[in-house]
Amino acid sequence: MENYIEKNKNTRIYVEVSEFKGKTFLSIREFFYSQNEDKWFPTQKGVTLPLTKINELVELINNTVLD
């Protein structure tokens, strides 16, 4: 399974888990494709949350979508 969804041909939204100072975080970040460098680069558009907040985020998304 890929760790991204395609927003359009030049933009992807990546979901990644990382650690920093002993804490685990989930990042949801938009990346853009540079044809000049043939690489994907992160943008400032995104959010990083402690893994302990993920259940709250999922609940908020579900409540928003189902309303």
N, C-alpha and C. Protein backbone atom coordinates (compact mmCIF):
# COMPACT_ATOMS: atom_id res chain seq x y z
N MET A 1 0.84 -1.19 0.00
CA MET A 1 0.00 0.00 0.00
C MET A 1 0.88 1.24 0.00
N GLU A 2 0.55 2.18 -0.85
CA GLU A 2 1.29 3.44 -0.92
C GLU A 2 0.99 4.29 0.31
N ASN A 3 1.90 5.19 0.64
CA ASN A 3 1.67 6.07 1.78
C ASN A 3 1.27 7.47 1.31
N TYR A 4 0.62 7.54 0.14
CA TYR A 4 0.16 8.82 -0.37
C TYR A 4 -1.09 8.62 -1.22
N ILE A 5 -1.80 9.74 -1.43
CA ILE A 5 -2.88 9.78 -2.41
C ILE A 5 -2.54 10.90 -3.39
N GLU A 6 -2.93 10.72 -4.63
CA GLU A 6 -2.66 11.75 -5.63
C GLU A 6 -3.78 12.77 -5.63
N LYS A 7 -3.40 14.02 -5.44
CA LYS A 7 -4.35 15.12 -5.51
C LYS A 7 -4.55 15.51 -6.97
N ASN A 8 -3.45 15.56 -7.70
CA ASN A 8 -3.44 15.75 -9.15
C ASN A 8 -2.09 15.24 -9.65
N LYS A 9 -1.78 15.43 -10.93
CA LYS A 9 -0.55 14.80 -11.46
C LYS A 9 0.74 15.38 -10.88
N ASN A 10 0.69 16.58 -10.31
CA ASN A 10 1.89 17.20 -9.75
C ASN A 10 1.86 17.35 -8.23
N THR A 11 0.80 16.83 -7.60
CA THR A 11 0.65 17.00 -6.15
C THR A 11 0.20 15.70 -5.51
N ARG A 12 0.88 15.33 -4.44
CA ARG A 12 0.53 14.15 -3.64
C ARG A 12 0.39 14.56 -2.19
N ILE A 13 -0.44 13.82 -1.46
CA ILE A 13 -0.57 14.02 -0.02
C ILE A 13 -0.01 12.76 0.64
N TYR A 14 1.10 12.93 1.34
CA TYR A 14 1.79 11.81 2.00
C TYR A 14 1.40 11.72 3.46
N VAL A 15 1.33 10.49 3.95
CA VAL A 15 1.11 10.21 5.37
C VAL A 15 2.31 9.43 5.85
N GLU A 16 2.98 9.95 6.88
CA GLU A 16 4.20 9.32 7.39
C GLU A 16 4.21 9.33 8.91
N VAL A 17 4.82 8.31 9.47
CA VAL A 17 5.03 8.23 10.92
C VAL A 17 6.51 8.44 11.17
N SER A 18 6.83 9.28 12.17
CA SER A 18 8.22 9.55 12.49
C SER A 18 8.38 9.71 14.01
N GLU A 19 9.61 9.69 14.45
CA GLU A 19 9.92 9.90 15.87
C GLU A 19 10.79 11.12 16.03
N PHE A 20 10.55 11.85 17.12
CA PHE A 20 11.35 13.02 17.44
C PHE A 20 11.41 13.14 18.95
N LYS A 21 12.59 13.18 19.49
CA LYS A 21 12.81 13.29 20.94
C LYS A 21 12.00 12.25 21.72
N GLY A 22 11.98 11.02 21.20
CA GLY A 22 11.31 9.93 21.89
C GLY A 22 9.80 9.88 21.74
N LYS A 23 9.22 10.79 20.97
CA LYS A 23 7.77 10.80 20.75
C LYS A 23 7.48 10.44 19.30
N THR A 24 6.34 9.79 19.09
CA THR A 24 5.94 9.37 17.76
C THR A 24 4.90 10.33 17.20
N PHE A 25 5.08 10.71 15.94
CA PHE A 25 4.21 11.68 15.28
C PHE A 25 3.68 11.14 13.96
N LEU A 26 2.51 11.64 13.58
CA LEU A 26 1.94 11.36 12.27
C LEU A 26 1.94 12.67 11.50
N SER A 27 2.49 12.63 10.29
CA SER A 27 2.51 13.82 9.43
C SER A 27 1.66 13.56 8.21
N ILE A 28 0.83 14.55 7.88
CA ILE A 28 0.05 14.54 6.65
C ILE A 28 0.49 15.80 5.91
N ARG A 29 1.19 15.61 4.80
CA ARG A 29 1.83 16.74 4.13
C ARG A 29 1.67 16.66 2.63
N GLU A 30 1.50 17.84 2.01
CA GLU A 30 1.41 17.94 0.57
C GLU A 30 2.81 18.04 -0.03
N PHE A 31 3.05 17.27 -1.09
CA PHE A 31 4.32 17.30 -1.82
C PHE A 31 4.04 17.72 -3.26
N PHE A 32 5.01 18.39 -3.88
CA PHE A 32 4.88 18.74 -5.29
C PHE A 32 6.01 18.10 -6.07
N TYR A 33 5.74 17.87 -7.35
CA TYR A 33 6.72 17.22 -8.22
C TYR A 33 7.47 18.28 -9.02
N SER A 34 8.80 18.23 -8.96
CA SER A 34 9.66 19.11 -9.74
C SER A 34 10.13 18.35 -10.98
N GLN A 35 9.66 18.79 -12.15
CA GLN A 35 10.08 18.13 -13.38
C GLN A 35 11.55 18.38 -13.66
N ASN A 36 12.07 19.54 -13.25
CA ASN A 36 13.49 19.85 -13.47
C ASN A 36 14.40 18.88 -12.72
N GLU A 37 14.01 18.52 -11.50
CA GLU A 37 14.84 17.65 -10.68
C GLU A 37 14.33 16.21 -10.63
N ASP A 38 13.15 15.96 -11.23
CA ASP A 38 12.55 14.64 -11.25
C ASP A 38 12.42 14.06 -9.84
N LYS A 39 11.93 14.91 -8.90
CA LYS A 39 11.79 14.52 -7.49
C LYS A 39 10.53 15.14 -6.90
N TRP A 40 10.07 14.53 -5.82
CA TRP A 40 8.96 15.07 -5.03
C TRP A 40 9.53 15.85 -3.84
N PHE A 41 8.95 17.03 -3.58
CA PHE A 41 9.40 17.89 -2.48
C PHE A 41 8.24 18.26 -1.57
N PRO A 42 8.48 18.32 -0.24
CA PRO A 42 7.42 18.71 0.68
C PRO A 42 7.12 20.20 0.59
N THR A 43 5.86 20.53 0.84
CA THR A 43 5.47 21.94 0.93
C THR A 43 5.23 22.27 2.40
N GLN A 44 4.86 23.51 2.67
CA GLN A 44 4.51 23.90 4.04
C GLN A 44 3.08 23.52 4.39
N LYS A 45 2.33 23.05 3.40
CA LYS A 45 0.94 22.67 3.62
C LYS A 45 0.88 21.29 4.25
N GLY A 46 0.41 21.23 5.47
CA GLY A 46 0.30 19.94 6.14
C GLY A 46 0.17 20.12 7.64
N VAL A 47 0.14 18.98 8.30
CA VAL A 47 0.00 18.99 9.76
C VAL A 47 0.78 17.81 10.32
N THR A 48 1.36 18.01 11.50
CA THR A 48 2.04 16.95 12.23
C THR A 48 1.43 16.90 13.62
N LEU A 49 0.97 15.70 13.99
CA LEU A 49 0.32 15.51 15.28
C LEU A 49 0.97 14.37 16.05
N PRO A 50 0.96 14.47 17.39
CA PRO A 50 1.42 13.32 18.17
C PRO A 50 0.49 12.14 17.88
N LEU A 51 1.03 10.96 17.84
CA LEU A 51 0.23 9.77 17.55
C LEU A 51 -0.92 9.62 18.54
N THR A 52 -0.77 10.16 19.73
CA THR A 52 -1.83 10.07 20.75
C THR A 52 -3.07 10.86 20.36
N LYS A 53 -2.98 11.76 19.39
CA LYS A 53 -4.12 12.58 18.95
C LYS A 53 -4.85 12.01 17.74
N ILE A 54 -4.38 10.90 17.20
CA ILE A 54 -4.94 10.36 15.96
C ILE A 54 -6.40 9.94 16.13
N ASN A 55 -6.73 9.30 17.24
CA ASN A 55 -8.13 8.90 17.44
C ASN A 55 -9.06 10.10 17.46
N GLU A 56 -8.63 11.20 18.08
CA GLU A 56 -9.43 12.42 18.09
C GLU A 56 -9.61 12.98 16.68
N LEU A 57 -8.54 12.92 15.89
CA LEU A 57 -8.59 13.41 14.51
C LEU A 57 -9.56 12.57 13.67
N VAL A 58 -9.48 11.26 13.80
CA VAL A 58 -10.37 10.36 13.05
C VAL A 58 -11.82 10.62 13.45
N GLU A 59 -12.07 10.77 14.74
CA GLU A 59 -13.43 11.04 15.23
C GLU A 59 -13.94 12.38 14.68
N LEU A 60 -13.09 13.39 14.67
CA LEU A 60 -13.48 14.70 14.15
C LEU A 60 -13.80 14.61 12.66
N ILE A 61 -12.98 13.90 11.91
CA ILE A 61 -13.23 13.73 10.47
C ILE A 61 -14.56 12.99 10.26
N ASN A 62 -14.77 11.90 10.97
CA ASN A 62 -16.00 11.15 10.84
C ASN A 62 -17.23 11.98 11.17
N ASN A 63 -17.15 12.75 12.25
CA ASN A 63 -18.27 13.59 12.65
C ASN A 63 -18.55 14.68 11.62
N THR A 64 -17.50 15.23 11.04
CA THR A 64 -17.64 16.28 10.04
C THR A 64 -18.25 15.73 8.75
N VAL A 65 -17.78 14.58 8.33
CA VAL A 65 -18.25 13.98 7.07
C VAL A 65 -19.68 13.48 7.22
N LEU A 66 -20.02 12.92 8.38
CA LEU A 66 -21.35 12.34 8.58
C LEU A 66 -22.42 13.37 8.91
N ASP A 67 -22.04 14.58 9.24
CA ASP A 67 -23.03 15.64 9.56
C ASP A 67 -23.67 16.19 8.33
